[in-house]
Amino acid sequence: MTRSTQALAYARPSALESGAAGRLLGLETSGGLTPAGAQPHPTFFSGFLSSPQTAARGLLAVADVAAARYHDPTPRPLLDPVVTGNGDRLRFESFSGCCGVYARLDVLREGLDGAETGHGTTNVDVNNPLREALSRMTGDSPLHLRVGPGELAVTTLDGSVVEKKVPLPERWLRGFAEAQVATAGFDLRAELPAAEAVRFLRSLPRPSAGRASRGVSWVIASGRTLRPTTRPVPGAICLPGPERLAALQRVLRQAVALRVYGPLATDGVASSAAWEVVLPGMRLTLTLSPGTNRGFSGEGGVLEALSTDEAAQDAELVSVLLAWEPRIDPAELAERSGLTVARVRAALVRLGTAGRVGYDVADAAYFHRELPYEPDRTERHNPRLVDARRLLAAGAVTLDGESASVVSGPRVYRVREAGGQLRCTCAWWADHQGRRGPCKHALAVRMARRGTAVKAAAGGENR
């Protein structure tokens, strides 16, 4: 796995403090991007939380996921969540170490007591002493939340800092992009009221060291509850690795409802799903990959968008129209940019590969954030895309009408189109049947056909 190391420098450790004026939850920020550009310690919010204990438990759940590796319980260093201010909400995001669970806590305007937030994205320090302090919180007495340095910290920024050397797997960035693509195709599949939500979630197994995953399960909506089913009947919802929902246990006492989002199950194949606990003024969502040993980073949903020059150019245009919006409407962007809605969606996928766009299943809308990654980082480190470009550059692709041949190593693979999808004779296609994106051979053929079409169009214009 390719890794890089990023230094996160904080003015001081995040802490939960009590004083004469009440309790203060100070979350310290590292370098981040804002509308004013890069800032060493941006401040996104300072105000009161309407449900302090709920927010504390939700933040702990996001931190739980960041510390977890669901197929390997070996302890790992804590990774700090990402926080984005979108004007009317704060979004706290993390990925599990295995990249198979994406967690997000949305603290909405009503959860922030109606106050506005700043705009931008940064990491926040969530250290072990803070986790312990949040775990001990009881009651809902007033709690002041500060995201970013306070006046005391500002005066000492030139002094000592708390610095963390954080390993950042390349698959984390790919995971953010793939989770966005997957969830953009989800619909609401079930909604449970509080009592049924608590009963169902408490019935699920919890992870334990040394015990193998329970694999893929299926549930089906039955009235106002969910019941297990032994097979993926029509309407069934995939629950891959049910023990991966353990972090939701943190907020069960505050749960208002449980909503489940996912694709329509038609072929009985395991799929991703998003499990959202509705809380007072907040939402906590865990999105699960299709298997406990299968991270989002290898799903391949972004490959088509990464392979087109058109999407790259469109992404540059669309990016200047983003304004830290909590809800991005592709139709509105299409009108403002002069592009079609389909091209805008492809551009948003490409922006997602740089961590600049996420997707919120509850709002059924994209949102703007800025992660500290180079724009072409995912493209450089995506093996299938890199291999497809090499095949194309080596002249390994021969087009023959609806079919094509690709010379790869000592073998020649046949690629043909059926039902709008390119099918290949390689082992990748045999194993996944297109469910994890195109293989490198099909991707190279798609790129070759696109290049041929562009050349033909240019030749027509020159005649």
Protein backbone atom coordinates (compact mmCIF):
# COMPACT_ATOMS: atom_id res chain seq x y z
CA MET A 1 0.00 0.00 0.00
CA THR A 2 1.43 3.41 -0.96
CA ARG A 3 1.68 5.80 1.95
CA SER A 4 2.81 9.34 2.52
CA THR A 5 3.23 11.21 5.76
CA GLN A 6 1.57 14.49 6.53
CA ALA A 7 2.58 16.68 9.47
CA LEU A 8 -0.44 18.02 11.33
CA ALA A 9 0.56 20.93 13.57
CA TYR A 10 -1.90 22.04 16.26
CA ALA A 11 -1.60 25.11 18.47
CA ARG A 12 -2.33 22.87 21.48
CA PRO A 13 -4.16 19.61 22.14
CA SER A 14 -7.94 19.56 21.81
CA ALA A 15 -9.58 19.41 25.23
CA LEU A 16 -12.86 19.44 27.13
CA GLU A 17 -12.56 22.05 29.89
CA SER A 18 -14.84 23.15 32.72
CA GLY A 19 -14.85 26.61 34.26
CA ALA A 20 -17.01 29.24 35.92
CA ALA A 21 -18.61 30.02 32.54
CA GLY A 22 -19.45 26.36 31.89
CA ARG A 23 -17.90 23.67 29.71
CA LEU A 24 -15.82 24.35 26.59
CA LEU A 25 -15.04 21.74 23.93
CA GLY A 26 -12.06 23.16 22.08
CA LEU A 27 -11.22 21.29 18.88
CA GLU A 28 -7.87 22.43 17.55
CA THR A 29 -7.38 22.64 13.79
CA SER A 30 -4.37 21.98 11.60
CA GLY A 31 -3.63 23.60 8.25
CA GLY A 32 -6.66 23.80 5.98
CA LEU A 33 -8.20 25.49 2.98
CA THR A 34 -10.75 28.31 3.28
CA PRO A 35 -12.25 30.85 0.86
CA ALA A 36 -9.31 33.11 1.82
CA GLY A 37 -6.80 30.42 0.87
CA ALA A 38 -4.65 28.13 3.00
CA GLN A 39 -4.68 28.88 6.72
CA PRO A 40 -2.39 27.34 9.38
CA HIS A 41 -5.14 27.12 12.04
CA PRO A 42 -8.55 28.08 10.60
CA THR A 43 -11.52 28.80 12.89
CA PHE A 44 -14.86 27.47 11.65
CA PHE A 45 -17.19 27.83 14.61
CA SER A 46 -17.61 29.26 18.08
CA GLY A 47 -20.97 28.83 19.77
CA PHE A 48 -23.22 26.56 21.80
CA LEU A 49 -24.41 23.08 20.92
CA SER A 50 -28.12 22.38 21.32
CA SER A 51 -27.50 18.71 22.28
CA PRO A 52 -24.01 18.51 23.84
CA GLN A 53 -24.04 14.85 24.85
CA THR A 54 -25.32 13.79 21.45
CA ALA A 55 -22.57 15.74 19.69
CA ALA A 56 -19.93 14.26 22.00
CA ARG A 57 -21.08 10.71 21.32
CA GLY A 58 -21.34 11.35 17.58
CA LEU A 59 -17.79 12.71 17.48
CA LEU A 60 -16.59 9.66 19.42
CA ALA A 61 -18.28 7.38 16.87
CA VAL A 62 -16.41 9.09 14.02
CA ALA A 63 -13.18 8.68 15.99
CA ASP A 64 -14.02 5.01 16.65
CA VAL A 65 -14.18 4.35 12.92
CA ALA A 66 -10.90 6.18 12.27
CA ALA A 67 -9.19 3.89 14.81
CA ALA A 68 -10.71 0.63 13.50
CA ARG A 69 -9.53 -2.04 11.09
CA TYR A 70 -12.48 -4.40 10.86
CA HIS A 71 -10.70 -7.35 9.23
CA ASP A 72 -7.57 -6.93 11.39
CA PRO A 73 -8.03 -5.91 15.06
CA THR A 74 -4.35 -5.02 15.51
CA PRO A 75 -4.19 -1.56 17.17
CA ARG A 76 -3.11 1.28 14.86
CA PRO A 77 -2.24 4.95 15.45
CA LEU A 78 -5.27 7.23 15.72
CA LEU A 79 -6.01 9.25 12.60
CA ASP A 80 -7.62 12.67 13.01
CA PRO A 81 -11.05 13.29 11.45
CA VAL A 82 -11.59 15.87 8.73
CA VAL A 83 -14.00 18.74 9.46
CA THR A 84 -15.68 20.95 6.88
CA GLY A 85 -17.62 24.13 7.56
CA ASN A 86 -20.37 24.67 4.99
CA GLY A 87 -22.01 27.80 6.37
CA ASP A 88 -25.02 26.05 7.90
CA ARG A 89 -23.38 22.89 9.30
CA LEU A 90 -20.19 21.16 10.39
CA ARG A 91 -19.28 17.82 8.82
CA PHE A 92 -16.87 15.49 10.64
CA GLU A 93 -15.57 12.67 8.40
CA SER A 94 -13.29 9.66 8.79
CA PHE A 95 -12.43 6.34 7.17
CA SER A 96 -11.56 3.13 8.91
CA GLY A 97 -7.97 1.97 8.62
CA CYS A 98 -9.11 -0.82 6.31
CA CYS A 99 -10.94 1.73 4.14
CA GLY A 100 -14.14 -0.31 4.32
CA VAL A 101 -16.25 2.04 6.48
CA TYR A 102 -16.85 5.73 5.84
CA ALA A 103 -18.23 7.72 8.80
CA ARG A 104 -19.71 11.21 8.80
CA LEU A 105 -21.34 13.27 11.54
CA ASP A 106 -23.36 16.21 10.20
CA VAL A 107 -24.05 18.78 12.92
CA LEU A 108 -26.83 20.82 11.31
CA ARG A 109 -27.86 24.40 11.96
CA GLU A 110 -30.39 23.36 14.62
CA GLY A 111 -27.67 21.32 16.32
CA LEU A 112 -25.49 24.44 16.41
CA ASP A 113 -28.25 26.40 18.12
CA GLY A 114 -28.96 28.22 14.86
CA ALA A 115 -25.47 29.72 14.56
CA GLU A 116 -23.57 30.03 11.27
CA THR A 117 -20.25 28.29 10.62
CA GLY A 118 -17.23 29.36 8.65
CA HIS A 119 -16.23 27.79 5.34
CA GLY A 120 -13.30 25.47 4.74
CA THR A 121 -11.79 22.06 5.49
CA THR A 122 -9.12 20.97 7.96
CA ASN A 123 -8.15 18.15 10.32
CA VAL A 124 -9.12 18.34 13.98
CA ASP A 125 -7.11 16.90 16.85
CA VAL A 126 -8.98 14.06 18.59
CA ASN A 127 -6.52 12.68 21.12
CA ASN A 128 -6.91 9.94 23.73
CA PRO A 129 -7.40 12.29 26.72
CA LEU A 130 -10.14 14.09 24.79
CA ARG A 131 -11.83 10.79 23.92
CA GLU A 132 -11.80 9.80 27.59
CA ALA A 133 -13.24 13.17 28.63
CA LEU A 134 -16.02 12.98 26.03
CA SER A 135 -16.86 9.44 27.13
CA ARG A 136 -17.40 10.67 30.70
CA MET A 137 -19.75 13.47 29.69
CA THR A 138 -23.20 13.21 31.27
CA GLY A 139 -26.22 15.44 31.14
CA ASP A 140 -26.95 18.19 28.66
CA SER A 141 -25.78 21.28 30.52
CA PRO A 142 -24.61 24.06 28.15
CA LEU A 143 -21.49 23.25 26.14
CA HIS A 144 -19.57 25.80 24.12
CA LEU A 145 -17.92 24.37 20.99
CA ARG A 146 -14.94 26.05 19.41
CA VAL A 147 -13.55 24.62 16.16
CA GLY A 148 -10.25 26.41 15.70
CA PRO A 149 -7.92 28.35 18.00
CA GLY A 150 -9.34 30.69 20.63
CA GLU A 151 -7.77 33.98 21.65
CA LEU A 152 -5.39 32.28 24.08
CA ALA A 153 -4.15 29.90 21.41
CA VAL A 154 -3.79 32.67 18.85
CA THR A 155 -1.39 34.53 21.10
CA THR A 156 0.83 31.46 21.43
CA LEU A 157 0.92 30.23 17.85
CA ASP A 158 4.57 31.23 17.50
CA GLY A 159 5.42 29.19 20.56
CA SER A 160 5.24 25.45 21.06
CA VAL A 161 2.87 23.41 18.93
CA VAL A 162 1.53 19.87 19.04
CA GLU A 163 2.71 18.07 15.94
CA LYS A 164 1.57 14.67 14.69
CA LYS A 165 3.20 12.70 11.91
CA VAL A 166 0.20 11.00 10.35
CA PRO A 167 0.52 8.18 7.78
CA LEU A 168 -1.92 8.83 4.93
CA PRO A 169 -2.58 5.76 2.75
CA GLU A 170 -3.29 6.60 -0.88
CA ARG A 171 -6.34 4.36 -0.59
CA TRP A 172 -7.91 6.85 1.87
CA LEU A 173 -8.20 9.44 -0.88
CA ARG A 174 -9.45 6.83 -3.35
CA GLY A 175 -11.93 5.69 -0.70
CA PHE A 176 -13.44 9.17 -0.35
CA ALA A 177 -13.88 9.31 -4.14
CA GLU A 178 -15.34 5.81 -4.49
CA ALA A 179 -17.75 6.27 -1.56
CA GLN A 180 -19.07 9.39 -3.26
CA VAL A 181 -19.68 7.54 -6.53
CA ALA A 182 -21.36 4.61 -4.76
CA THR A 183 -23.68 6.65 -2.55
CA ALA A 184 -24.75 8.95 -5.40
CA GLY A 185 -26.68 5.94 -6.74
CA PHE A 186 -28.42 5.12 -3.44
CA ASP A 187 -32.10 5.50 -2.60
CA LEU A 188 -33.90 5.30 0.73
CA ARG A 189 -34.72 1.63 1.35
CA ALA A 190 -36.05 1.61 4.91
CA GLU A 191 -36.85 3.95 7.81
CA LEU A 192 -37.34 2.81 11.40
CA PRO A 193 -38.67 4.85 14.34
CA ALA A 194 -36.49 5.24 17.43
CA ALA A 195 -37.64 2.19 19.39
CA GLU A 196 -37.33 -0.21 16.45
CA ALA A 197 -34.00 1.35 15.43
CA VAL A 198 -32.56 0.72 18.89
CA ARG A 199 -33.92 -2.83 19.01
CA PHE A 200 -32.49 -3.71 15.61
CA LEU A 201 -29.04 -2.16 16.13
CA ARG A 202 -28.67 -3.78 19.56
CA SER A 203 -29.41 -7.17 18.02
CA LEU A 204 -26.38 -6.96 15.72
CA PRO A 205 -23.11 -8.70 16.60
CA ARG A 206 -20.22 -6.63 17.91
CA PRO A 207 -16.64 -7.05 16.74
CA SER A 208 -14.31 -8.99 18.99
CA ALA A 209 -10.60 -9.72 18.73
CA GLY A 210 -9.79 -13.05 17.16
CA ARG A 211 -13.27 -13.69 15.77
CA ALA A 212 -13.77 -13.89 12.04
CA SER A 213 -16.24 -11.59 10.34
CA ARG A 214 -19.80 -12.86 9.94
CA GLY A 215 -19.64 -11.94 6.26
CA VAL A 216 -22.58 -10.67 4.25
CA SER A 217 -26.08 -10.62 5.73
CA TRP A 218 -29.38 -9.49 4.26
CA VAL A 219 -32.35 -7.75 5.85
CA ILE A 220 -35.71 -6.74 4.51
CA ALA A 221 -38.13 -3.99 5.54
CA SER A 222 -41.18 -5.43 7.27
CA GLY A 223 -43.64 -2.82 8.44
CA ARG A 224 -41.71 -0.43 10.70
CA THR A 225 -38.81 -2.77 11.37
CA LEU A 226 -36.13 -4.83 9.64
CA ARG A 227 -36.00 -8.58 9.75
CA PRO A 228 -33.19 -10.88 8.60
CA THR A 229 -33.60 -12.98 5.49
CA THR A 230 -31.53 -16.00 4.54
CA ARG A 231 -31.24 -14.93 0.92
CA PRO A 232 -31.34 -11.69 -1.09
CA VAL A 233 -35.03 -11.68 -2.03
CA PRO A 234 -36.40 -8.73 -4.04
CA GLY A 235 -36.27 -5.59 -1.91
CA ALA A 236 -33.61 -7.00 0.43
CA ILE A 237 -30.94 -4.69 1.83
CA CYS A 238 -27.35 -5.86 1.95
CA LEU A 239 -25.66 -5.74 5.37
CA PRO A 240 -22.04 -6.71 4.71
CA GLY A 241 -20.21 -7.31 7.98
CA PRO A 242 -22.94 -6.25 10.43
CA GLU A 243 -20.39 -5.90 13.25
CA ARG A 244 -19.04 -2.83 11.38
CA LEU A 245 -22.08 -0.86 12.57
CA ALA A 246 -20.81 -1.08 16.17
CA ALA A 247 -19.91 2.64 16.26
CA LEU A 248 -23.63 3.47 16.04
CA GLN A 249 -24.04 2.02 19.53
CA ARG A 250 -22.56 5.30 20.83
CA VAL A 251 -25.71 7.26 19.94
CA LEU A 252 -28.57 4.81 20.48
CA ARG A 253 -29.96 6.65 23.51
CA GLN A 254 -30.33 9.82 21.44
CA ALA A 255 -31.61 8.14 18.24
CA VAL A 256 -34.74 9.61 16.65
CA ALA A 257 -34.85 7.25 13.65
CA LEU A 258 -32.75 4.91 11.52
CA ARG A 259 -32.64 5.26 7.75
CA VAL A 260 -31.00 2.81 5.35
CA TYR A 261 -29.90 3.75 1.84
CA GLY A 262 -28.62 1.50 -0.89
CA PRO A 263 -28.96 0.31 -4.47
CA LEU A 264 -31.81 -1.88 -5.65
CA ALA A 265 -30.74 -5.49 -5.06
CA THR A 266 -31.50 -7.41 -8.25
CA ASP A 267 -28.82 -10.08 -8.66
CA GLY A 268 -28.07 -11.13 -5.09
CA VAL A 269 -24.53 -9.75 -5.22
CA ALA A 270 -23.19 -7.98 -2.12
CA SER A 271 -23.32 -4.20 -2.33
CA SER A 272 -22.59 -1.10 -0.27
CA ALA A 273 -25.19 0.50 1.98
CA ALA A 274 -25.42 3.63 4.12
CA TRP A 275 -26.87 3.45 7.66
CA GLU A 276 -27.95 6.81 9.04
CA VAL A 277 -29.01 7.44 12.64
CA VAL A 278 -31.11 10.60 12.88
CA LEU A 279 -30.27 12.57 16.04
CA PRO A 280 -31.54 15.86 17.51
CA GLY A 281 -30.04 18.45 15.15
CA MET A 282 -27.54 15.95 13.71
CA ARG A 283 -27.07 12.88 11.54
CA LEU A 284 -24.51 10.10 11.98
CA THR A 285 -23.96 7.96 8.87
CA LEU A 286 -21.83 4.87 8.36
CA THR A 287 -21.37 3.68 4.78
CA LEU A 288 -20.19 0.09 4.47
CA SER A 289 -18.19 -1.38 1.59
CA PRO A 290 -19.53 -4.61 0.04
CA GLY A 291 -17.30 -6.78 2.26
CA THR A 292 -15.17 -6.61 5.39
CA ASN A 293 -12.05 -7.49 3.41
CA ARG A 294 -12.96 -5.13 0.57
CA GLY A 295 -12.12 -1.44 0.91
CA PHE A 296 -13.80 1.29 -1.09
CA SER A 297 -10.48 2.20 -2.70
CA GLY A 298 -10.59 -0.66 -5.22
CA GLU A 299 -14.17 -0.33 -6.44
CA GLY A 300 -13.29 1.36 -9.74
CA GLY A 301 -16.32 3.62 -9.98
CA VAL A 302 -14.21 6.68 -10.84
CA LEU A 303 -12.12 5.15 -13.64
CA GLU A 304 -14.29 6.28 -16.54
CA ALA A 305 -14.27 9.90 -15.35
CA LEU A 306 -10.51 9.83 -14.75
CA SER A 307 -9.80 8.49 -18.23
CA THR A 308 -11.41 11.34 -20.20
CA ASP A 309 -9.77 14.63 -21.14
CA GLU A 310 -13.27 16.13 -21.41
CA ALA A 311 -14.02 15.42 -17.74
CA ALA A 312 -10.67 16.94 -16.74
CA GLN A 313 -11.45 20.18 -18.59
CA ASP A 314 -15.02 20.24 -17.29
CA ALA A 315 -13.77 19.72 -13.73
CA GLU A 316 -11.58 22.81 -14.01
CA LEU A 317 -14.60 24.84 -15.09
CA VAL A 318 -16.95 23.43 -12.46
CA SER A 319 -14.38 23.84 -9.68
CA VAL A 320 -14.41 27.64 -9.96
CA LEU A 321 -18.20 27.58 -9.41
CA LEU A 322 -17.99 25.69 -6.13
CA ALA A 323 -18.47 27.96 -3.11
CA TRP A 324 -18.37 25.67 -0.06
CA GLU A 325 -22.05 24.96 -0.64
CA PRO A 326 -23.69 22.38 1.66
CA ARG A 327 -25.87 21.27 -1.28
CA ILE A 328 -24.58 21.25 -4.85
CA ASP A 329 -27.26 20.86 -7.52
CA PRO A 330 -25.86 19.43 -10.81
CA ALA A 331 -28.73 20.98 -12.77
CA GLU A 332 -27.90 24.44 -11.41
CA LEU A 333 -24.20 23.93 -12.14
CA ALA A 334 -25.10 22.84 -15.67
CA GLU A 335 -27.00 26.07 -16.23
CA ARG A 336 -24.18 28.20 -14.84
CA SER A 337 -21.40 26.36 -16.69
CA GLY A 338 -23.12 25.76 -19.99
CA LEU A 339 -22.44 22.01 -19.73
CA THR A 340 -24.94 19.17 -19.80
CA VAL A 341 -26.02 17.64 -16.49
CA ALA A 342 -24.26 14.38 -17.46
CA ARG A 343 -20.98 16.23 -18.03
CA VAL A 344 -21.36 18.09 -14.74
CA ARG A 345 -21.86 14.80 -12.89
CA ALA A 346 -18.73 13.36 -14.54
CA ALA A 347 -16.82 16.50 -13.53
CA LEU A 348 -18.04 16.13 -9.94
CA VAL A 349 -16.80 12.54 -9.91
CA ARG A 350 -13.39 13.74 -11.06
CA LEU A 351 -13.35 16.51 -8.43
CA GLY A 352 -14.22 13.85 -5.87
CA THR A 353 -11.00 12.02 -6.71
CA ALA A 354 -9.10 15.05 -5.38
CA GLY A 355 -11.25 15.13 -2.25
CA ARG A 356 -13.00 18.31 -3.35
CA VAL A 357 -16.57 16.96 -3.44
CA GLY A 358 -18.55 14.56 -1.26
CA TYR A 359 -22.09 13.21 -1.41
CA ASP A 360 -24.80 13.34 1.25
CA VAL A 361 -27.42 10.59 0.84
CA ALA A 362 -29.87 12.32 3.20
CA ASP A 363 -29.94 15.46 1.06
CA ALA A 364 -29.39 13.51 -2.18
CA ALA A 365 -26.85 16.20 -3.04
CA TYR A 366 -23.14 16.78 -3.41
CA PHE A 367 -21.25 19.11 -1.06
CA HIS A 368 -18.00 21.05 -1.34
CA ARG A 369 -14.90 20.32 0.74
CA GLU A 370 -11.15 20.63 0.13
CA LEU A 371 -8.83 17.85 1.27
CA PRO A 372 -5.05 18.49 1.25
CA TYR A 373 -4.24 16.31 -1.76
CA GLU A 374 -2.70 17.10 -5.13
CA PRO A 375 -5.39 17.13 -7.86
CA ASP A 376 -3.83 14.29 -9.90
CA ARG A 377 -2.73 12.13 -6.97
CA THR A 378 -5.46 9.52 -7.28
CA GLU A 379 -4.94 9.29 -11.04
CA ARG A 380 -1.22 8.61 -10.61
CA HIS A 381 -1.78 5.91 -8.00
CA ASN A 382 -4.70 4.05 -9.58
CA PRO A 383 -3.12 0.87 -10.96
CA ARG A 384 -5.77 0.05 -13.55
CA LEU A 385 -5.71 3.55 -15.00
CA VAL A 386 -1.91 3.65 -15.07
CA ASP A 387 -1.79 0.24 -16.79
CA ALA A 388 -4.46 1.25 -19.32
CA ARG A 389 -2.50 4.34 -20.31
CA ARG A 390 0.64 2.21 -20.74
CA LEU A 391 -1.21 -0.24 -22.96
CA LEU A 392 -2.53 2.60 -25.08
CA ALA A 393 0.89 4.26 -25.36
CA ALA A 394 2.47 0.94 -26.36
CA GLY A 395 0.00 0.49 -29.22
CA ALA A 396 -1.39 -2.65 -27.64
CA VAL A 397 -5.01 -1.89 -28.60
CA THR A 398 -6.44 -2.86 -31.98
CA LEU A 399 -10.02 -1.76 -32.71
CA ASP A 400 -12.22 -3.96 -34.85
CA GLY A 401 -15.76 -2.58 -35.03
CA GLU A 402 -17.69 -3.59 -31.89
CA SER A 403 -14.76 -5.68 -30.70
CA ALA A 404 -11.11 -5.03 -29.93
CA SER A 405 -7.97 -6.94 -29.05
CA VAL A 406 -5.46 -5.93 -26.38
CA VAL A 407 -1.96 -7.37 -26.15
CA SER A 408 -0.99 -7.54 -22.47
CA GLY A 409 2.15 -9.47 -21.61
CA PRO A 410 2.22 -12.81 -23.42
CA ARG A 411 -1.55 -12.92 -23.95
CA VAL A 412 -4.10 -11.27 -26.23
CA TYR A 413 -7.46 -10.37 -24.68
CA ARG A 414 -10.68 -9.79 -26.55
CA VAL A 415 -12.92 -6.93 -25.52
CA ARG A 416 -16.44 -6.55 -26.89
CA GLU A 417 -19.40 -4.37 -26.09
CA ALA A 418 -22.66 -5.86 -24.85
CA GLY A 419 -25.54 -3.95 -23.27
CA GLY A 420 -23.53 -0.75 -23.17
CA GLN A 421 -20.74 -2.42 -21.17
CA LEU A 422 -17.32 -3.57 -22.33
CA ARG A 423 -16.70 -7.24 -21.52
CA CYS A 424 -13.25 -8.79 -21.49
CA THR A 425 -11.79 -12.29 -21.56
CA CYS A 426 -9.41 -11.52 -18.67
CA ALA A 427 -9.56 -12.97 -15.16
CA TRP A 428 -10.64 -9.59 -13.64
CA TRP A 429 -13.82 -9.59 -15.70
CA ALA A 430 -14.47 -13.25 -14.93
CA ASP A 431 -14.18 -12.56 -11.20
CA HIS A 432 -16.14 -9.30 -10.99
CA GLN A 433 -18.37 -9.11 -14.12
CA GLY A 434 -17.99 -5.31 -14.25
CA ARG A 435 -19.21 -4.76 -10.68
CA ARG A 436 -15.91 -3.16 -9.63
CA GLY A 437 -15.37 -0.94 -12.65
CA PRO A 438 -13.67 -1.77 -15.95
CA CYS A 439 -10.52 -3.87 -16.19
CA LYS A 440 -7.39 -2.25 -17.59
CA HIS A 441 -8.00 -3.81 -21.01
CA ALA A 442 -11.57 -2.47 -21.32
CA LEU A 443 -10.44 0.90 -20.04
CA ALA A 444 -7.68 1.06 -22.66
CA VAL A 445 -10.20 0.16 -25.38
CA ARG A 446 -12.60 2.88 -24.17
CA MET A 447 -9.77 5.43 -24.28
CA ALA A 448 -8.70 4.26 -27.75
CA ARG A 449 -12.22 4.57 -29.11
CA ARG A 450 -12.59 8.01 -27.60
CA GLY A 451 -9.31 9.12 -29.17
CA THR A 452 -10.36 7.77 -32.55
CA ALA A 453 -13.68 9.61 -32.35
CA VAL A 454 -11.94 12.88 -31.43
CA LYS A 455 -9.52 12.55 -34.35
CA ALA A 456 -12.38 11.80 -36.74
CA ALA A 457 -14.28 14.85 -35.53
CA ALA A 458 -11.19 17.04 -35.91
CA GLY A 459 -10.64 15.71 -39.42
CA GLY A 460 -14.23 16.56 -40.33
CA GLU A 461 -13.81 20.11 -39.04
CA ASN A 462 -10.65 20.57 -41.12
CA ARG A 463 -12.24 19.45 -44.38
